[in-house]
Amino acid sequence: MPETDRIGIKLSMHPDDPHVDAIKGISRIMNNVENFAKLPAMHKTIVNVIKMCKGSFSLMGTGMTLPVKI
């Protein structure tokens, strides 16, 4: 992260898709709201962002809805 700060590259975390705990024995950790809540605290900077995928977050059972403008 410090290097991305220096050169201004944004890193965006997208929720795990498909929404499962593991694939072929490999754990997937970005599949719940609690883990996403921890992400910004890991390195506080404007280049550490979250991809707000309504479909993925709704599968987490958050009831999250985002306003949609057409």
Protein backbone atom coordinates (compact mmCIF):
# COMPACT_ATOMS: atom_id res chain seq x y z
CA MET A 1 0.00 0.00 0.00
CA PRO A 2 2.69 2.61 0.71
CA GLU A 3 3.93 2.29 -2.87
CA THR A 4 0.43 2.71 -4.29
CA ASP A 5 0.09 5.87 -2.19
CA ARG A 6 3.34 7.19 -3.62
CA ILE A 7 2.39 6.69 -7.27
CA GLY A 8 -1.38 7.23 -6.90
CA ILE A 9 -2.68 3.81 -7.98
CA LYS A 10 -6.02 2.77 -6.49
CA LEU A 11 -6.46 -0.82 -5.32
CA SER A 12 -10.06 -1.97 -5.42
CA MET A 13 -11.32 -5.06 -3.60
CA HIS A 14 -14.28 -6.80 -5.21
CA PRO A 15 -16.31 -9.30 -3.17
CA ASP A 16 -15.57 -12.98 -3.77
CA ASP A 17 -17.68 -14.23 -6.64
CA PRO A 18 -19.11 -16.82 -6.41
CA HIS A 19 -20.10 -16.30 -2.79
CA VAL A 20 -18.54 -19.40 -1.18
CA ASP A 21 -16.09 -20.02 1.68
CA ALA A 22 -13.59 -22.00 -0.40
CA ILE A 23 -12.90 -23.18 -3.95
CA LYS A 24 -10.85 -26.36 -4.38
CA GLY A 25 -9.60 -26.05 -0.82
CA ILE A 26 -8.49 -22.42 -1.16
CA SER A 27 -10.14 -20.12 1.39
CA ARG A 28 -11.95 -17.04 0.19
CA ILE A 29 -12.01 -14.24 2.72
CA MET A 30 -13.85 -11.37 1.06
CA ASN A 31 -17.27 -12.98 1.27
CA ASN A 32 -18.79 -11.28 4.31
CA VAL A 33 -19.47 -7.76 5.51
CA GLU A 34 -17.32 -8.17 8.62
CA ASN A 35 -14.18 -8.77 6.54
CA PHE A 36 -14.98 -5.82 4.30
CA ALA A 37 -15.33 -3.62 7.39
CA LYS A 38 -11.72 -4.52 8.33
CA LEU A 39 -10.26 -3.64 4.93
CA PRO A 40 -10.14 0.19 5.20
CA ALA A 41 -8.51 -0.03 8.64
CA MET A 42 -5.63 -2.13 7.29
CA HIS A 43 -4.13 0.90 5.57
CA LYS A 44 -5.90 4.23 5.85
CA THR A 45 -5.53 5.94 2.50
CA ILE A 46 -7.68 7.12 -0.38
CA VAL A 47 -6.15 4.49 -2.69
CA ASN A 48 -7.59 1.56 -0.67
CA VAL A 49 -11.14 1.28 -2.04
CA ILE A 50 -14.00 -1.24 -2.12
CA LYS A 51 -15.88 -2.19 -5.27
CA MET A 52 -19.55 -1.86 -4.34
CA CYS A 53 -21.03 -4.77 -6.25
CA LYS A 54 -24.71 -4.77 -5.36
CA GLY A 55 -25.19 -8.39 -6.47
CA SER A 56 -22.32 -9.76 -4.40
CA PHE A 57 -23.20 -7.76 -1.30
CA SER A 58 -26.86 -8.77 -1.53
CA LEU A 59 -25.78 -12.44 -1.56
CA MET A 60 -24.02 -11.80 1.76
CA GLY A 61 -27.47 -11.29 3.28
CA THR A 62 -26.94 -7.65 4.15
CA GLY A 63 -30.21 -6.46 2.70
CA MET A 64 -28.05 -3.74 1.20
CA THR A 65 -29.64 -1.71 -1.51
CA LEU A 66 -28.03 1.13 -3.38
CA PRO A 67 -29.86 3.93 -5.16
CA VAL A 68 -29.84 3.48 -8.91
CA LYS A 69 -30.03 6.43 -11.28
CA ILE A 70 -30.87 5.80 -14.91
